[in-house]
Amino acid sequence: MSEFNTRLSLATVLMVFVVGDAGLFAAEKASGGHAAPKMRSTDYREVPDQPYVPVPLKERVTSPAGRGVANGRVSVQVNVAAGGGNVVGDAANEPSIAVDPTDPSKIAIGWRQFDTITSNFRQAGRAFSTDGGATWTFPGVLDPGLFRSDPVLDFGADGTFFYDSLAGNLDCSVFTSTDGGATWGPAVFAFGSDKQWLTVDRSGGPGDGHLYQNWSPFTVETFNRSIDGGASFQLPVVVPEEPYWGVSTVAHDGAVYIAGVASFATGIAVVRSSNAQLAGVTPSFDQTTVVDLGGLPVGFSDPGPNPAGLLGQVWVASDHSDGPTRGNLYLLASVDPSGPDPLDVHVSRSTDGGITWSAPVRVNDDPAGSNAWQWFGTMAVAPDGRIDAIWNDTRADPGGYDSELMYAYSIDAGQTWSTSEIISPAFDPHLGWPQQNKLGDYYDMVSDSTGVHIAYAATFNLEQDVYYLHLERALFRDGFESGDASAWSISTRD
């Protein structure tokens, strides 16, 4: 793979911040006098490197808002001005989404907001919809003028929204909204560090309502929780195998699973905490498995579609359905397989609580040898057990990086997948960069009883913007209930 020899290997990235106790130091947090997790010295990427450049509202020029239409699927721009138009000259990327389970018409999306692409300074963008994503309101960023990055949104069973944000001092803050993202409470110090993730317990068990946060091992301790609905966060604890570039999930029985690239890039680590749901004990991890997903995720690949960013993170999700797949765990990531193909989306499943995992299955269906990039692979599991996956795909631009957002689903626990469907127009991911040449590090999605809610970034306006797309439940529900995949609107394949 000589054409990709400038790709920074995972092992190299990890060695930057793992090797040697000499790189460790402890400090006292300035915020609230909290005892700090032990930090590892490293070349952080998510820190202020350029000053804040205010852009007065009167100087912001607007154009018609972007709309992406492909195969009848309509994507709606989220980061819009007060009149609903696109703000010219800004950038928005790395979106995350929350959907109110008690009222799916209420949706919030957060993103990295660059008020001008002439500066690398970013803030916590946020918007909300009260009509199921048909229209969006962007009231302005959280904490105007403060550096924020790595937005992660999730929601509680009661419809409370949470927004996890990395600040410029490498602390994380969590904001709470009880009105569908229209307003947010004050920032709550949450420890954390770069490339964090947040998940909320909706299991109905003893940990219901707990917030769990994990992050990449820029600190020795990389996991903590809130047992009071985000009002405060406990001291972090150590996670075995130090998984990085990954997310977490809460299983049907309340167990917490964290997935990510294992230390020294030996595979994909999946670690479990069975007792994090118990408020009276210090969380510990009772199971660790390293999974062969048929390759590893890639970061900082130049040449590539996202040179300064990740090409996807590791997703883990749990099946909460009432059918025979209840309790299954799934892993999905864009990985670099053997051979010349730069990236494929692979998935694996566990039917025994993460102890053993199936051989990886390739989700994308481009012909062997096309050597296309399937990047930003993202997954969610619906309440009925359907697995949904999206990714950016360059198969229609051989030798180039123009990408279309694609979708596929599985109704048999990930063993077979539907034919890949194009759900966005093609776009050039190299357009609209701020002083940081990437489209962020991830997309996000939520699968619920109404369908699939997708938040992604694209350049339909010839600049970076955030879009919302809803794939309706009616498109596939009849086939799922009958068990006849041919009844779905999208054909299936092995």
Protein backbone atom coordinates (compact mmCIF):
# COMPACT_ATOMS: atom_id res chain seq x y z
CA MET A 1 0.00 0.00 0.00
CA SER A 2 2.76 2.41 -0.99
CA GLU A 3 0.31 5.11 -2.07
CA PHE A 4 -0.83 5.35 1.54
CA ASN A 5 2.60 5.26 3.13
CA THR A 6 2.16 8.72 4.64
CA ARG A 7 -0.68 7.40 6.77
CA LEU A 8 0.15 7.73 10.46
CA SER A 9 -0.11 4.24 11.92
CA LEU A 10 -2.22 3.58 14.97
CA ALA A 11 0.75 2.16 16.82
CA THR A 12 2.70 5.36 16.16
CA VAL A 13 -0.20 7.51 17.35
CA LEU A 14 -0.52 5.45 20.51
CA MET A 15 3.19 5.55 21.25
CA VAL A 16 3.02 9.35 21.30
CA PHE A 17 1.00 9.30 24.49
CA VAL A 18 1.53 5.89 26.08
CA VAL A 19 5.24 5.14 26.25
CA GLY A 20 6.98 5.60 29.56
CA ASP A 21 6.05 6.71 33.04
CA ALA A 22 8.39 9.64 32.46
CA GLY A 23 5.64 11.23 30.38
CA LEU A 24 3.21 11.28 33.30
CA PHE A 25 2.47 14.23 35.47
CA ALA A 26 -0.26 15.18 37.90
CA ALA A 27 -1.76 18.60 38.45
CA GLU A 28 -4.61 20.23 40.27
CA LYS A 29 -7.53 21.30 38.10
CA ALA A 30 -8.16 24.99 38.24
CA SER A 31 -11.91 24.45 37.93
CA GLY A 32 -13.37 23.81 41.36
CA GLY A 33 -10.12 22.54 42.83
CA HIS A 34 -10.83 19.00 41.62
CA ALA A 35 -8.02 16.50 41.83
CA ALA A 36 -6.86 15.93 38.29
CA PRO A 37 -6.50 12.60 36.55
CA LYS A 38 -2.86 11.87 35.82
CA MET A 39 -2.10 13.36 32.41
CA ARG A 40 0.20 12.01 29.72
CA SER A 41 2.21 14.58 27.82
CA THR A 42 1.37 14.58 24.13
CA ASP A 43 0.92 16.66 21.05
CA TYR A 44 -2.77 17.42 21.54
CA ARG A 45 -4.79 18.33 18.47
CA GLU A 46 -7.93 19.69 20.13
CA VAL A 47 -6.45 22.82 21.73
CA PRO A 48 -6.62 26.47 20.71
CA ASP A 49 -3.94 27.29 18.17
CA GLN A 50 -5.46 30.45 16.73
CA PRO A 51 -7.33 33.31 18.39
CA TYR A 52 -11.08 33.78 18.45
CA VAL A 53 -12.17 36.01 15.57
CA PRO A 54 -15.60 37.56 16.22
CA VAL A 55 -17.78 37.84 13.13
CA PRO A 56 -20.59 40.40 13.73
CA LEU A 57 -24.03 39.23 12.69
CA LYS A 58 -24.44 42.23 10.39
CA GLU A 59 -21.38 41.12 8.44
CA ARG A 60 -22.60 37.57 7.87
CA VAL A 61 -23.80 37.02 4.31
CA THR A 62 -26.41 34.35 3.70
CA SER A 63 -27.34 32.23 0.73
CA PRO A 64 -30.10 29.66 0.22
CA ALA A 65 -29.82 26.80 2.68
CA GLY A 66 -28.41 23.57 1.32
CA ARG A 67 -30.57 20.57 0.50
CA GLY A 68 -29.22 17.21 -0.47
CA VAL A 69 -31.60 15.05 -2.51
CA ALA A 70 -30.72 11.51 -3.61
CA ASN A 71 -33.10 8.64 -4.43
CA GLY A 72 -35.97 10.54 -2.87
CA ARG A 73 -34.08 11.12 0.40
CA VAL A 74 -33.99 14.80 1.42
CA SER A 75 -31.26 16.14 3.71
CA VAL A 76 -31.97 19.45 5.47
CA GLN A 77 -29.26 21.91 6.49
CA VAL A 78 -29.05 22.35 10.27
CA ASN A 79 -26.53 25.19 10.80
CA VAL A 80 -28.71 27.97 9.39
CA ALA A 81 -29.11 31.68 10.06
CA ALA A 82 -32.15 33.20 11.73
CA GLY A 83 -34.00 33.42 8.45
CA GLY A 84 -33.23 29.83 7.53
CA GLY A 85 -30.43 30.61 5.08
CA ASN A 86 -26.88 29.32 4.87
CA VAL A 87 -24.18 31.46 6.47
CA VAL A 88 -21.50 32.06 3.85
CA GLY A 89 -17.88 31.64 4.91
CA ASP A 90 -18.29 29.61 8.08
CA ALA A 91 -17.81 25.87 8.64
CA ALA A 92 -19.66 23.23 10.65
CA ASN A 93 -18.59 19.62 11.08
CA GLU A 94 -18.41 16.62 13.45
CA PRO A 95 -22.13 16.48 14.32
CA SER A 96 -23.82 14.51 17.09
CA ILE A 97 -27.56 14.02 17.58
CA ALA A 98 -30.16 13.48 20.32
CA VAL A 99 -33.80 12.51 19.72
CA ASP A 100 -36.46 12.74 22.43
CA PRO A 101 -37.80 9.18 22.91
CA THR A 102 -41.03 10.57 24.39
CA ASP A 103 -41.57 12.92 21.43
CA PRO A 104 -39.44 12.24 18.33
CA SER A 105 -40.43 15.59 16.83
CA LYS A 106 -37.92 17.15 19.25
CA ILE A 107 -34.34 16.75 18.02
CA ALA A 108 -31.06 18.47 18.84
CA ILE A 109 -27.77 18.41 16.96
CA GLY A 110 -24.40 19.72 18.11
CA TRP A 111 -21.30 20.32 15.99
CA ARG A 112 -17.92 22.05 15.80
CA GLN A 113 -18.69 25.62 14.72
CA PHE A 114 -16.07 27.74 12.90
CA ASP A 115 -17.47 31.25 12.49
CA THR A 116 -14.96 31.87 9.71
CA ILE A 117 -12.73 29.47 7.80
CA THR A 118 -9.91 32.00 8.08
CA SER A 119 -9.50 30.86 11.70
CA ASN A 120 -9.12 27.42 13.25
CA PHE A 121 -10.95 28.58 16.40
CA ARG A 122 -14.01 26.43 17.03
CA GLN A 123 -17.00 26.60 19.33
CA ALA A 124 -19.91 24.44 20.44
CA GLY A 125 -22.51 24.73 17.70
CA ARG A 126 -26.05 23.60 18.50
CA ALA A 127 -29.48 23.65 16.88
CA PHE A 128 -32.89 22.21 17.64
CA SER A 129 -36.00 21.16 15.76
CA THR A 130 -39.56 20.86 17.02
CA ASP A 131 -41.03 19.43 13.81
CA GLY A 132 -39.11 16.22 13.34
CA GLY A 133 -36.16 17.82 11.55
CA ALA A 134 -38.09 19.63 8.79
CA THR A 135 -36.79 23.00 10.04
CA TRP A 136 -34.00 23.99 12.39
CA THR A 137 -33.17 26.85 14.74
CA PHE A 138 -29.53 27.78 15.46
CA PRO A 139 -29.70 30.21 18.42
CA GLY A 140 -25.92 30.63 18.56
CA VAL A 141 -23.13 28.60 20.12
CA LEU A 142 -22.87 27.48 23.72
CA ASP A 143 -20.34 29.66 25.59
CA PRO A 144 -19.73 32.25 22.81
CA GLY A 145 -16.06 33.03 22.37
CA LEU A 146 -14.85 29.96 24.26
CA PHE A 147 -12.95 27.20 22.46
CA ARG A 148 -14.93 23.95 22.39
CA SER A 149 -14.65 20.77 20.32
CA ASP A 150 -15.64 17.07 20.15
CA PRO A 151 -19.42 17.50 20.65
CA VAL A 152 -21.26 14.39 21.83
CA LEU A 153 -25.02 14.38 22.48
CA ASP A 154 -27.20 11.73 24.09
CA PHE A 155 -30.57 11.55 25.81
CA GLY A 156 -32.30 9.99 28.79
CA ALA A 157 -35.43 7.86 28.75
CA ASP A 158 -37.41 10.87 30.01
CA GLY A 159 -36.32 13.06 27.08
CA THR A 160 -33.57 15.00 28.86
CA PHE A 161 -30.75 15.91 26.46
CA PHE A 162 -27.04 16.05 27.34
CA TYR A 163 -24.22 17.80 25.45
CA ASP A 164 -20.63 16.75 26.23
CA SER A 165 -18.00 19.23 25.05
CA LEU A 166 -14.20 19.33 25.20
CA ALA A 167 -12.77 22.68 26.26
CA GLY A 168 -9.44 24.20 25.30
CA ASN A 169 -7.85 23.21 28.63
CA LEU A 170 -8.67 19.54 27.84
CA ASP A 171 -11.42 19.40 30.45
CA CYS A 172 -14.87 18.22 29.41
CA SER A 173 -18.10 19.94 30.32
CA VAL A 174 -21.63 18.54 30.13
CA PHE A 175 -24.68 20.72 29.49
CA THR A 176 -28.27 19.62 30.14
CA SER A 177 -31.49 20.53 28.32
CA THR A 178 -35.03 19.69 29.41
CA ASP A 179 -36.77 21.39 26.48
CA GLY A 180 -35.52 19.46 23.47
CA GLY A 181 -32.31 21.43 23.05
CA ALA A 182 -33.94 24.87 22.83
CA THR A 183 -32.05 26.00 25.94
CA TRP A 184 -29.16 24.47 27.87
CA GLY A 185 -28.14 24.76 31.49
CA PRO A 186 -24.68 25.81 32.71
CA ALA A 187 -21.55 23.80 32.01
CA VAL A 188 -20.81 21.07 34.56
CA PHE A 189 -17.18 20.03 35.00
CA ALA A 190 -16.84 16.36 33.95
CA PHE A 191 -13.06 15.66 33.97
CA GLY A 192 -12.46 13.85 30.64
CA SER A 193 -9.97 14.60 27.90
CA ASP A 194 -9.59 14.49 24.12
CA LYS A 195 -11.83 12.27 21.98
CA GLN A 196 -14.41 11.63 24.69
CA TRP A 197 -17.79 9.92 24.35
CA LEU A 198 -20.96 10.07 26.45
CA THR A 199 -23.73 7.49 26.79
CA VAL A 200 -26.83 7.53 28.98
CA ASP A 201 -28.34 4.50 30.70
CA ARG A 202 -31.87 3.88 29.40
CA SER A 203 -32.00 0.23 30.52
CA GLY A 204 -34.67 0.69 33.20
CA GLY A 205 -32.35 -0.98 35.72
CA PRO A 206 -30.63 0.39 38.83
CA GLY A 207 -28.39 2.65 36.71
CA ASP A 208 -31.18 4.17 34.64
CA GLY A 209 -30.34 7.85 34.11
CA HIS A 210 -26.64 7.45 34.85
CA LEU A 211 -24.24 9.18 32.45
CA TYR A 212 -21.07 7.34 31.45
CA GLN A 213 -18.11 9.10 29.86
CA ASN A 214 -15.01 7.53 28.30
CA TRP A 215 -12.12 9.12 26.45
CA SER A 216 -8.88 8.24 24.71
CA PRO A 217 -5.85 7.57 26.95
CA PHE A 218 -4.41 11.04 27.15
CA THR A 219 -4.91 10.44 30.87
CA VAL A 220 -4.22 7.30 32.89
CA GLU A 221 -7.85 7.09 34.02
CA THR A 222 -10.29 7.18 31.07
CA PHE A 223 -13.79 6.51 32.43
CA ASN A 224 -16.15 8.20 34.84
CA ARG A 225 -19.85 8.62 35.47
CA SER A 226 -22.59 10.85 36.84
CA ILE A 227 -25.15 9.24 39.12
CA ASP A 228 -27.19 12.43 39.61
CA GLY A 229 -28.35 13.14 36.08
CA GLY A 230 -25.37 15.23 35.03
CA ALA A 231 -25.31 17.53 38.08
CA SER A 232 -21.81 16.28 38.96
CA PHE A 233 -19.24 13.74 37.78
CA GLN A 234 -17.19 11.31 39.84
CA LEU A 235 -13.43 10.84 39.74
CA PRO A 236 -12.21 8.82 36.74
CA VAL A 237 -11.01 5.21 36.93
CA VAL A 238 -8.61 3.12 34.85
CA VAL A 239 -9.96 1.12 31.89
CA PRO A 240 -8.15 -2.10 30.84
CA GLU A 241 -6.53 -2.06 27.38
CA GLU A 242 -7.02 1.71 27.23
CA PRO A 243 -9.40 1.65 24.24
CA TYR A 244 -9.25 4.80 22.11
CA TRP A 245 -11.11 6.27 19.13
CA GLY A 246 -14.30 4.53 20.24
CA VAL A 247 -17.68 4.83 21.92
CA SER A 248 -19.66 3.17 24.70
CA THR A 249 -23.08 1.59 25.11
CA VAL A 250 -25.34 0.34 27.89
CA ALA A 251 -26.73 -3.17 27.42
CA HIS A 252 -30.24 -4.33 28.25
CA ASP A 253 -29.03 -5.57 31.66
CA GLY A 254 -27.36 -2.26 32.54
CA ALA A 255 -23.78 -3.40 31.89
CA VAL A 256 -21.55 -0.73 30.32
CA TYR A 257 -19.37 -1.63 27.33
CA ILE A 258 -16.55 0.52 25.95
CA ALA A 259 -14.99 -0.25 22.56
CA GLY A 260 -11.98 1.21 20.83
CA VAL A 261 -8.60 0.41 19.38
CA ALA A 262 -6.68 -1.66 21.95
CA SER A 263 -3.42 -0.46 23.44
CA PHE A 264 -0.53 -0.90 20.98
CA ALA A 265 -3.10 -1.46 18.19
CA THR A 266 -3.43 -5.21 18.76
CA GLY A 267 -7.09 -5.24 17.72
CA ILE A 268 -10.40 -3.79 18.89
CA ALA A 269 -10.80 -3.84 22.67
CA VAL A 270 -14.23 -4.36 24.22
CA VAL A 271 -14.32 -3.94 28.00
CA ARG A 272 -17.31 -4.41 30.31
CA SER A 273 -18.30 -2.95 33.64
CA SER A 274 -21.10 -4.87 35.29
CA ASN A 275 -21.17 -2.73 38.43
CA ALA A 276 -21.02 0.83 37.02
CA GLN A 277 -24.81 0.81 37.25
CA LEU A 278 -24.59 0.45 41.05
CA ALA A 279 -24.33 3.91 42.56
CA GLY A 280 -22.77 2.75 45.83
CA VAL A 281 -19.62 1.17 44.39
CA THR A 282 -16.59 2.40 42.50
CA PRO A 283 -16.91 1.23 38.87
CA SER A 284 -14.59 -1.59 37.84
CA PHE A 285 -14.19 -3.65 34.69
CA ASP A 286 -14.74 -7.39 34.94
CA GLN A 287 -14.25 -8.46 31.32
CA THR A 288 -11.85 -7.54 28.52
CA THR A 289 -11.83 -8.99 25.00
CA VAL A 290 -9.65 -8.04 22.04
CA VAL A 291 -11.54 -8.59 18.78
CA ASP A 292 -10.17 -9.11 15.27
CA LEU A 293 -12.39 -6.88 13.10
CA GLY A 294 -10.43 -7.67 9.95
CA GLY A 295 -8.39 -4.47 10.15
CA LEU A 296 -7.96 -1.35 12.23
CA PRO A 297 -9.38 2.17 11.97
CA VAL A 298 -7.19 4.78 10.31
CA GLY A 299 -6.36 8.32 11.30
CA PHE A 300 -4.48 11.22 9.75
CA SER A 301 -4.16 9.70 6.29
CA ASP A 302 -2.71 12.02 3.68
CA PRO A 303 -3.46 11.43 0.86
CA GLY A 304 -7.01 10.52 1.81
CA PRO A 305 -10.50 11.97 2.07
CA ASN A 306 -9.96 13.42 5.58
CA PRO A 307 -6.23 14.16 5.90
CA ALA A 308 -6.04 15.71 9.38
CA GLY A 309 -8.79 13.65 10.97
CA LEU A 310 -9.95 10.15 11.72
CA LEU A 311 -11.59 8.11 8.99
CA GLY A 312 -14.06 6.71 11.48
CA GLN A 313 -14.24 5.51 15.05
CA VAL A 314 -15.17 2.20 16.65
CA TRP A 315 -18.89 1.79 17.35
CA VAL A 316 -20.40 -0.65 19.84
CA ALA A 317 -24.15 -1.04 20.25
CA SER A 318 -26.50 -3.29 22.20
CA ASP A 319 -29.76 -4.92 21.10
CA HIS A 320 -32.62 -4.00 23.45
CA SER A 321 -35.37 -5.67 21.41
CA ASP A 322 -37.76 -8.25 22.82
CA GLY A 323 -36.95 -10.81 20.12
CA PRO A 324 -34.37 -13.58 19.84
CA THR A 325 -31.50 -11.12 19.28
CA ARG A 326 -32.06 -9.32 22.60
CA GLY A 327 -28.76 -8.80 24.38
CA ASN A 328 -26.59 -9.11 21.26
CA LEU A 329 -23.65 -6.75 21.00
CA TYR A 330 -22.37 -5.36 17.71
CA LEU A 331 -19.06 -3.78 16.69
CA LEU A 332 -18.74 -1.68 13.54
CA ALA A 333 -15.90 0.43 12.14
CA SER A 334 -14.30 1.62 8.94
CA VAL A 335 -11.12 -0.45 8.93
CA ASP A 336 -8.06 -0.91 6.73
CA PRO A 337 -8.32 -4.51 5.44
CA SER A 338 -5.45 -6.54 4.07
CA GLY A 339 -4.50 -5.77 0.47
CA PRO A 340 -4.66 -2.53 -1.53
CA ASP A 341 -8.24 -1.56 -0.53
CA PRO A 342 -7.85 1.47 1.77
CA LEU A 343 -11.04 1.10 3.86
CA ASP A 344 -14.10 -1.12 4.28
CA VAL A 345 -16.94 -1.10 6.82
CA HIS A 346 -16.80 -4.28 8.92
CA VAL A 347 -19.18 -5.55 11.59
CA SER A 348 -18.97 -8.34 14.17
CA ARG A 349 -21.48 -9.61 16.73
CA SER A 350 -21.40 -11.24 20.16
CA THR A 351 -24.24 -13.36 21.50
CA ASP A 352 -22.65 -14.08 24.90
CA GLY A 353 -22.13 -10.66 26.43
CA GLY A 354 -18.91 -9.83 24.63
CA ILE A 355 -16.93 -12.96 25.52
CA THR A 356 -16.68 -14.22 21.94
CA TRP A 357 -17.23 -12.46 18.62
CA SER A 358 -18.11 -13.59 15.11
CA ALA A 359 -15.79 -13.31 12.13
CA PRO A 360 -16.09 -9.82 10.61
CA VAL A 361 -18.66 -9.23 7.86
CA ARG A 362 -18.10 -6.64 5.12
CA VAL A 363 -21.07 -4.22 5.02
CA ASN A 364 -20.29 -2.22 1.86
CA ASP A 365 -20.93 -4.04 -1.43
CA ASP A 366 -18.62 -2.32 -3.93
CA PRO A 367 -16.84 -4.85 -6.19
CA ALA A 368 -13.58 -6.31 -4.98
CA GLY A 369 -10.70 -4.35 -6.45
CA SER A 370 -12.56 -1.03 -6.67
CA ASN A 371 -10.30 0.21 -3.87
CA ALA A 372 -12.84 2.78 -2.73
CA TRP A 373 -12.78 4.50 0.65
CA GLN A 374 -15.71 3.61 2.91
CA TRP A 375 -15.08 6.10 5.70
CA PHE A 376 -16.93 7.42 8.76
CA GLY A 377 -18.73 4.09 9.23
CA THR A 378 -21.48 4.66 11.84
CA MET A 379 -24.02 2.31 13.45
CA ALA A 380 -27.19 2.30 15.52
CA VAL A 381 -29.62 -0.46 16.56
CA ALA A 382 -33.39 0.06 16.40
CA PRO A 383 -35.76 -1.01 19.21
CA ASP A 384 -36.90 -3.95 17.05
CA GLY A 385 -33.33 -5.26 16.57
CA ARG A 386 -32.65 -3.89 13.09
CA ILE A 387 -29.04 -2.72 12.65
CA ASP A 388 -28.57 0.48 10.65
CA ALA A 389 -25.24 1.59 9.15
CA ILE A 390 -24.10 4.64 7.19
CA TRP A 391 -20.75 5.68 5.73
CA ASN A 392 -19.15 7.98 3.16
CA ASP A 393 -18.30 6.09 -0.04
CA THR A 394 -15.96 7.08 -2.90
CA ARG A 395 -16.80 4.19 -5.27
CA ALA A 396 -18.34 6.57 -7.83
CA ASP A 397 -15.09 8.58 -8.01
CA PRO A 398 -12.33 6.06 -8.76
CA GLY A 399 -8.97 7.42 -7.73
CA GLY A 400 -10.60 10.45 -6.08
CA TYR A 401 -12.29 11.40 -2.84
CA ASP A 402 -15.74 12.69 -3.83
CA SER A 403 -18.12 10.86 -1.51
CA GLU A 404 -21.76 9.87 -1.30
CA LEU A 405 -23.43 9.02 1.98
CA MET A 406 -24.62 5.40 1.86
CA TYR A 407 -26.94 3.29 3.99
CA ALA A 408 -27.48 -0.41 4.61
CA TYR A 409 -29.34 -2.44 7.22
CA SER A 410 -29.41 -5.95 8.60
CA ILE A 411 -32.37 -7.86 10.02
CA ASP A 412 -30.45 -11.04 10.91
CA ALA A 413 -28.03 -9.82 13.56
CA GLY A 414 -25.49 -8.52 11.07
CA GLN A 415 -24.96 -11.76 9.15
CA THR A 416 -26.25 -10.30 5.87
CA TRP A 417 -26.83 -6.73 4.75
CA SER A 418 -29.10 -4.92 2.33
CA THR A 419 -27.77 -3.56 -0.92
CA SER A 420 -25.95 -0.29 -0.23
CA GLU A 421 -28.21 2.66 -1.02
CA ILE A 422 -27.04 6.16 -1.93
CA ILE A 423 -28.81 8.61 0.39
CA SER A 424 -26.99 11.87 -0.43
CA PRO A 425 -25.58 13.59 -3.49
CA ALA A 426 -21.85 13.36 -4.06
CA PHE A 427 -19.72 16.01 -2.38
CA ASP A 428 -16.04 16.93 -2.22
CA PRO A 429 -14.81 16.52 1.38
CA HIS A 430 -11.77 18.68 0.64
CA LEU A 431 -13.88 21.85 0.25
CA GLY A 432 -14.51 24.43 2.95
CA TRP A 433 -11.71 23.51 5.30
CA PRO A 434 -10.95 25.96 8.07
CA GLN A 435 -7.27 26.09 9.02
CA GLN A 436 -7.64 22.41 9.83
CA ASN A 437 -7.96 20.09 6.84
CA LYS A 438 -10.68 17.71 7.87
CA LEU A 439 -14.45 17.22 7.95
CA GLY A 440 -14.32 16.40 11.65
CA ASP A 441 -13.84 12.88 13.02
CA TYR A 442 -17.30 11.27 13.01
CA TYR A 443 -20.99 11.32 12.13
CA ASP A 444 -23.84 10.21 14.41
CA MET A 445 -27.24 8.53 14.15
CA VAL A 446 -30.18 7.35 16.25
CA SER A 447 -32.49 4.47 15.29
CA ASP A 448 -35.91 4.50 16.93
CA SER A 449 -39.49 3.41 16.27
CA THR A 450 -39.96 6.15 13.64
CA GLY A 451 -36.92 5.22 11.56
CA VAL A 452 -33.30 6.38 11.33
CA HIS A 453 -32.18 9.90 12.33
CA ILE A 454 -28.85 10.86 10.75
CA ALA A 455 -26.57 13.83 11.41
CA TYR A 456 -23.71 14.26 8.96
CA ALA A 457 -21.48 16.91 7.40
CA ALA A 458 -21.16 17.61 3.67
CA THR A 459 -20.18 20.36 1.22
CA PHE A 460 -23.28 20.74 -0.95
CA ASN A 461 -22.90 24.54 -0.57
CA LEU A 462 -19.20 24.25 -1.51
CA GLU A 463 -18.43 24.70 2.20
CA GLN A 464 -18.76 22.51 5.27
CA ASP A 465 -22.28 22.31 6.71
CA VAL A 466 -24.24 19.95 8.94
CA TYR A 467 -27.28 18.09 7.59
CA TYR A 468 -30.15 16.07 9.04
CA LEU A 469 -31.73 13.13 7.21
CA HIS A 470 -34.58 10.90 8.34
CA LEU A 471 -35.18 7.46 6.80
CA GLU A 472 -38.79 6.67 7.55
CA ARG A 473 -39.95 3.56 9.40
CA ALA A 474 -42.52 2.89 6.70
CA LEU A 475 -39.75 2.16 4.22
CA PHE A 476 -38.85 -1.13 5.85
CA ARG A 477 -41.10 -2.00 8.80
CA ASP A 478 -43.48 -4.38 7.00
CA GLY A 479 -40.65 -6.55 5.77
CA PHE A 480 -39.04 -6.65 9.19
CA GLU A 481 -42.23 -7.79 10.95
CA SER A 482 -42.92 -10.51 8.41
CA GLY A 483 -39.31 -11.68 8.33
CA ASP A 484 -39.40 -11.33 4.54
CA ALA A 485 -36.53 -9.07 3.56
CA SER A 486 -37.81 -8.90 -0.02
CA ALA A 487 -40.75 -6.84 1.23
CA TRP A 488 -38.40 -4.00 2.12
CA SER A 489 -37.96 -1.10 -0.25
CA ILE A 490 -34.22 -1.85 -0.53
CA SER A 491 -33.12 -5.21 -1.89
CA THR A 492 -30.90 -7.44 0.24
CA ARG A 493 -27.74 -9.36 -0.54
CA ASP A 494 -25.47 -11.87 1.11
